[in-house]
Amino acid sequence: MNPGKQRQGRPAEWFVWSKKFSWVKRAHAWDAEKEDIQRREFDARLKQLAREQADFAVEEFRRLVERCRKADRILDKADGLPLTDVELIEEENGKRKRKKVRGMDLARYAALMKEIRESARRAILGPRDGGDESAPEAGSGDFVVAGPEDEREAA
């Protein structure tokens, strides 16, 4: 196609109409409008997702708190148990009755204590991205305070 040559026929009319009715400008405006609509829909979806995540975090926190309380109630009952199996002899109406009382299962007691500690830690720290890598190790006993100088060193 020769740019200096006068156009004739249908393609020439399309070129004239395109200029006359600003087709290129209108097409760019339409594309921008479609992108704006998509961006607004995406922002609305992100806001909804943030609300759902917040609702889940609150529900998870409540569940963890109730789990800790339930485990504490179990441990309170276990505190009244003997450490070893014992046999109690009770007299009732002049008759002796033997009653076996199982001692505390220390392995289960320790596992329950660990579960309470982990649940409480998760409830206090809240949900973390990437699992527990960002959380201090359970039972470390050390508090880490990050100050502005720590952030500069990390960068």
C-alpha atoms as a PDB file:
ATOM      1  CA  MET A   1       0.000   0.000   0.000  1.00  0.00           C
ATOM      2  CA  ASN A   2       1.292   3.408  -0.926  1.00  0.00           C
ATOM      3  CA  PRO A   3       0.647   5.946   1.877  1.00  0.00           C
ATOM      4  CA  GLY A   4       0.606   8.923  -0.530  1.00  0.00           C
ATOM      5  CA  LYS A   5      -1.901   7.351  -2.896  1.00  0.00           C
ATOM      6  CA  GLN A   6      -5.610   8.259  -2.584  1.00  0.00           C
ATOM      7  CA  ARG A   7      -7.634   5.298  -1.311  1.00  0.00           C
ATOM      8  CA  GLN A   8     -10.682   4.133  -3.167  1.00  0.00           C
ATOM      9  CA  GLY A   9     -13.457   1.606  -2.512  1.00  0.00           C
ATOM     10  CA  ARG A  10     -14.701   0.156   0.776  1.00  0.00           C
ATOM     11  CA  PRO A  11     -11.388   0.288   2.682  1.00  0.00           C
ATOM     12  CA  ALA A  12     -11.150   3.975   1.814  1.00  0.00           C
ATOM     13  CA  GLU A  13     -14.634   4.577   3.183  1.00  0.00           C
ATOM     14  CA  TRP A  14     -13.753   2.736   6.385  1.00  0.00           C
ATOM     15  CA  PHE A  15     -10.705   4.933   6.823  1.00  0.00           C
ATOM     16  CA  VAL A  16     -12.858   8.065   6.401  1.00  0.00           C
ATOM     17  CA  TRP A  17     -15.536   6.758   8.755  1.00  0.00           C
ATOM     18  CA  SER A  18     -12.898   5.808  11.323  1.00  0.00           C
ATOM     19  CA  LYS A  19     -11.578   9.360  11.347  1.00  0.00           C
ATOM     20  CA  LYS A  20     -15.010  10.959  11.117  1.00  0.00           C
ATOM     21  CA  PHE A  21     -16.505   8.947  14.015  1.00  0.00           C
ATOM     22  CA  SER A  22     -13.274   8.701  16.102  1.00  0.00           C
ATOM     23  CA  TRP A  23     -13.275   4.909  16.101  1.00  0.00           C
ATOM     24  CA  VAL A  24      -9.744   4.617  17.498  1.00  0.00           C
ATOM     25  CA  LYS A  25     -10.450   7.037  20.339  1.00  0.00           C
ATOM     26  CA  ARG A  26     -13.768   5.348  21.084  1.00  0.00           C
ATOM     27  CA  ALA A  27     -12.136   1.893  21.053  1.00  0.00           C
ATOM     28  CA  HIS A  28      -9.513   3.083  23.571  1.00  0.00           C
ATOM     29  CA  ALA A  29     -12.272   4.588  25.736  1.00  0.00           C
ATOM     30  CA  TRP A  30     -14.235   1.304  25.579  1.00  0.00           C
ATOM     31  CA  ASP A  31     -11.146  -0.697  26.549  1.00  0.00           C
ATOM     32  CA  ALA A  32     -10.465   1.677  29.452  1.00  0.00           C
ATOM     33  CA  GLU A  33     -14.096   1.371  30.601  1.00  0.00           C
ATOM     34  CA  LYS A  34     -13.933  -2.443  30.480  1.00  0.00           C
ATOM     35  CA  GLU A  35     -10.662  -2.416  32.463  1.00  0.00           C
ATOM     36  CA  ASP A  36     -12.217  -0.064  35.024  1.00  0.00           C
ATOM     37  CA  ILE A  37     -15.225  -2.374  35.428  1.00  0.00           C
ATOM     38  CA  GLN A  38     -12.952  -5.393  35.857  1.00  0.00           C
ATOM     39  CA  ARG A  39     -10.809  -3.515  38.388  1.00  0.00           C
ATOM     40  CA  ARG A  40     -13.891  -2.497  40.422  1.00  0.00           C
ATOM     41  CA  GLU A  41     -15.211  -6.093  40.369  1.00  0.00           C
ATOM     42  CA  PHE A  42     -11.813  -7.378  41.485  1.00  0.00           C
ATOM     43  CA  ASP A  43     -11.648  -4.800  44.313  1.00  0.00           C
ATOM     44  CA  ALA A  44     -15.148  -5.814  45.452  1.00  0.00           C
ATOM     45  CA  ARG A  45     -14.107  -9.473  45.471  1.00  0.00           C
ATOM     46  CA  LEU A  46     -10.974  -8.632  47.471  1.00  0.00           C
ATOM     47  CA  LYS A  47     -13.052  -6.751  50.046  1.00  0.00           C
ATOM     48  CA  GLN A  48     -15.445  -9.697  50.332  1.00  0.00           C
ATOM     49  CA  LEU A  49     -12.503 -12.068  50.742  1.00  0.00           C
ATOM     50  CA  ALA A  50     -11.044  -9.846  53.477  1.00  0.00           C
ATOM     51  CA  ARG A  51     -14.402  -9.882  55.316  1.00  0.00           C
ATOM     52  CA  GLU A  52     -14.596 -13.680  55.053  1.00  0.00           C
ATOM     53  CA  GLN A  53     -11.016 -14.041  56.293  1.00  0.00           C
ATOM     54  CA  ALA A  54     -11.750 -11.768  59.256  1.00  0.00           C
ATOM     55  CA  ASP A  55     -14.910 -13.740  60.086  1.00  0.00           C
ATOM     56  CA  PHE A  56     -12.947 -16.983  59.897  1.00  0.00           C
ATOM     57  CA  ALA A  57     -10.196 -15.591  62.138  1.00  0.00           C
ATOM     58  CA  VAL A  58     -12.784 -14.594  64.767  1.00  0.00           C
ATOM     59  CA  GLU A  59     -14.471 -18.010  64.596  1.00  0.00           C
ATOM     60  CA  GLU A  60     -11.107 -19.781  64.803  1.00  0.00           C
ATOM     61  CA  PHE A  61     -10.092 -17.662  67.795  1.00  0.00           C
ATOM     62  CA  ARG A  62     -13.328 -18.488  69.622  1.00  0.00           C
ATOM     63  CA  ARG A  63     -12.898 -22.174  68.811  1.00  0.00           C
ATOM     64  CA  LEU A  64      -9.332 -22.165  70.132  1.00  0.00           C
ATOM     65  CA  VAL A  65     -10.353 -20.372  73.331  1.00  0.00           C
ATOM     66  CA  GLU A  66     -13.142 -22.896  73.939  1.00  0.00           C
ATOM     67  CA  ARG A  67     -10.719 -25.728  73.227  1.00  0.00           C
ATOM     68  CA  CYS A  68      -8.309 -24.377  75.847  1.00  0.00           C
ATOM     69  CA  ARG A  69     -11.111 -24.012  78.386  1.00  0.00           C
ATOM     70  CA  LYS A  70     -12.359 -27.538  77.742  1.00  0.00           C
ATOM     71  CA  ALA A  71      -8.858 -28.952  78.155  1.00  0.00           C
ATOM     72  CA  ASP A  72      -8.425 -26.950  81.364  1.00  0.00           C
ATOM     73  CA  ARG A  73     -11.624 -28.489  82.748  1.00  0.00           C
ATOM     74  CA  ILE A  74     -10.305 -31.967  81.931  1.00  0.00           C
ATOM     75  CA  LEU A  75      -6.999 -31.160  83.613  1.00  0.00           C
ATOM     76  CA  ASP A  76      -8.822 -29.827  86.673  1.00  0.00           C
ATOM     77  CA  LYS A  77     -10.578 -33.187  86.984  1.00  0.00           C
ATOM     78  CA  ALA A  78      -7.298 -35.028  86.459  1.00  0.00           C
ATOM     79  CA  ASP A  79      -5.640 -33.047  89.264  1.00  0.00           C
ATOM     80  CA  GLY A  80      -7.839 -34.919  91.738  1.00  0.00           C
ATOM     81  CA  LEU A  81      -6.727 -38.348  90.535  1.00  0.00           C
ATOM     82  CA  PRO A  82      -3.996 -40.363  92.184  1.00  0.00           C
ATOM     83  CA  LEU A  83      -0.724 -40.819  90.318  1.00  0.00           C
ATOM     84  CA  THR A  84      -0.953 -44.614  90.454  1.00  0.00           C
ATOM     85  CA  ASP A  85      -3.795 -47.113  90.427  1.00  0.00           C
ATOM     86  CA  VAL A  86      -5.259 -47.545  93.887  1.00  0.00           C
ATOM     87  CA  GLU A  87      -7.888 -49.675  95.464  1.00  0.00           C
ATOM     88  CA  LEU A  88     -10.282 -47.951  97.820  1.00  0.00           C
ATOM     89  CA  ILE A  89     -12.117 -49.933 100.441  1.00  0.00           C
ATOM     90  CA  GLU A  90     -15.401 -48.395 101.514  1.00  0.00           C
ATOM     91  CA  GLU A  91     -17.726 -49.654 104.179  1.00  0.00           C
ATOM     92  CA  GLU A  92     -21.400 -49.438 103.523  1.00  0.00           C
ATOM     93  CA  ASN A  93     -24.012 -50.950 105.863  1.00  0.00           C
ATOM     94  CA  GLY A  94     -21.325 -53.013 107.523  1.00  0.00           C
ATOM     95  CA  LYS A  95     -20.128 -54.445 104.210  1.00  0.00           C
ATOM     96  CA  ARG A  96     -16.779 -53.679 102.694  1.00  0.00           C
ATOM     97  CA  LYS A  97     -16.710 -52.634  99.056  1.00  0.00           C
ATOM     98  CA  ARG A  98     -13.597 -52.472  96.987  1.00  0.00           C
ATOM     99  CA  LYS A  99     -13.356 -49.809  94.375  1.00  0.00           C
ATOM    100  CA  LYS A 100     -10.500 -49.530  91.901  1.00  0.00           C
ATOM    101  CA  VAL A 101      -9.422 -46.048  90.912  1.00  0.00           C
ATOM    102  CA  ARG A 102      -7.166 -45.747  87.907  1.00  0.00           C
ATOM    103  CA  GLY A 103      -4.219 -43.476  88.337  1.00  0.00           C
ATOM    104  CA  MET A 104      -3.466 -40.563  86.115  1.00  0.00           C
ATOM    105  CA  ASP A 105      -2.014 -41.395  82.703  1.00  0.00           C
ATOM    106  CA  LEU A 106       0.911 -38.978  82.725  1.00  0.00           C
ATOM    107  CA  ALA A 107       1.592 -39.398  79.008  1.00  0.00           C
ATOM    108  CA  ARG A 108      -1.956 -38.304  78.154  1.00  0.00           C
ATOM    109  CA  TYR A 109      -1.753 -35.530  80.735  1.00  0.00           C
ATOM    110  CA  ALA A 110       1.447 -34.239  79.107  1.00  0.00           C
ATOM    111  CA  ALA A 111      -0.079 -34.509  75.625  1.00  0.00           C
ATOM    112  CA  LEU A 112      -3.106 -32.524  76.771  1.00  0.00           C
ATOM    113  CA  MET A 113      -0.874 -29.885  78.334  1.00  0.00           C
ATOM    114  CA  LYS A 114       1.036 -29.612  75.055  1.00  0.00           C
ATOM    115  CA  GLU A 115      -2.232 -29.284  73.131  1.00  0.00           C
ATOM    116  CA  ILE A 116      -3.414 -26.505  75.446  1.00  0.00           C
ATOM    117  CA  ARG A 117      -0.125 -24.663  75.074  1.00  0.00           C
ATOM    118  CA  GLU A 118      -0.232 -24.938  71.268  1.00  0.00           C
ATOM    119  CA  SER A 119      -3.893 -23.901  71.050  1.00  0.00           C
ATOM    120  CA  ALA A 120      -3.322 -20.935  73.346  1.00  0.00           C
ATOM    121  CA  ARG A 121      -0.278 -19.879  71.334  1.00  0.00           C
ATOM    122  CA  ARG A 122      -2.253 -20.038  68.080  1.00  0.00           C
ATOM    123  CA  ALA A 123      -5.118 -18.090  69.662  1.00  0.00           C
ATOM    124  CA  ILE A 124      -2.765 -15.378  70.907  1.00  0.00           C
ATOM    125  CA  LEU A 125      -0.628 -15.080  67.763  1.00  0.00           C
ATOM    126  CA  GLY A 126      -3.531 -15.421  65.368  1.00  0.00           C
ATOM    127  CA  PRO A 127      -3.364 -16.837  61.867  1.00  0.00           C
ATOM    128  CA  ARG A 128      -0.042 -16.415  60.098  1.00  0.00           C
ATOM    129  CA  ASP A 129       0.765 -16.634  56.408  1.00  0.00           C
ATOM    130  CA  GLY A 130       3.120 -19.449  55.574  1.00  0.00           C
ATOM    131  CA  GLY A 131       2.348 -21.574  58.619  1.00  0.00           C
ATOM    132  CA  ASP A 132       4.240 -21.222  61.870  1.00  0.00           C
ATOM    133  CA  GLU A 133       7.630 -20.154  60.478  1.00  0.00           C
ATOM    134  CA  SER A 134       7.015 -16.560  61.551  1.00  0.00           C
ATOM    135  CA  ALA A 135       5.924 -17.528  65.053  1.00  0.00           C
ATOM    136  CA  PRO A 136       8.386 -18.126  67.869  1.00  0.00           C
ATOM    137  CA  GLU A 137       9.047 -21.745  68.708  1.00  0.00           C
ATOM    138  CA  ALA A 138       6.614 -23.150  71.245  1.00  0.00           C
ATOM    139  CA  GLY A 139       8.143 -23.395  74.676  1.00  0.00           C
ATOM    140  CA  SER A 140      11.205 -21.307  73.842  1.00  0.00           C
ATOM    141  CA  GLY A 141      10.342 -18.921  76.696  1.00  0.00           C
ATOM    142  CA  ASP A 142      12.114 -16.024  75.012  1.00  0.00           C
ATOM    143  CA  PHE A 143      10.367 -12.876  73.917  1.00  0.00           C
ATOM    144  CA  VAL A 144      11.688 -11.183  70.828  1.00  0.00           C
ATOM    145  CA  VAL A 145      11.060  -7.462  70.471  1.00  0.00           C
ATOM    146  CA  ALA A 146      11.741  -6.085  67.011  1.00  0.00           C
ATOM    147  CA  GLY A 147      12.692  -2.443  67.050  1.00  0.00           C
ATOM    148  CA  PRO A 148      13.413  -0.052  64.192  1.00  0.00           C
ATOM    149  CA  GLU A 149      17.125  -0.962  64.279  1.00  0.00           C
ATOM    150  CA  ASP A 150      16.246  -4.666  63.847  1.00  0.00           C
ATOM    151  CA  GLU A 151      14.186  -3.858  60.739  1.00  0.00           C
ATOM    152  CA  ARG A 152      17.096  -1.889  59.206  1.00  0.00           C
ATOM    153  CA  GLU A 153      19.491  -4.790  59.776  1.00  0.00           C
ATOM    154  CA  ALA A 154      17.061  -7.247  58.163  1.00  0.00           C
ATOM    155  CA  ALA A 155      16.733  -5.099  55.014  1.00  0.00           C
END
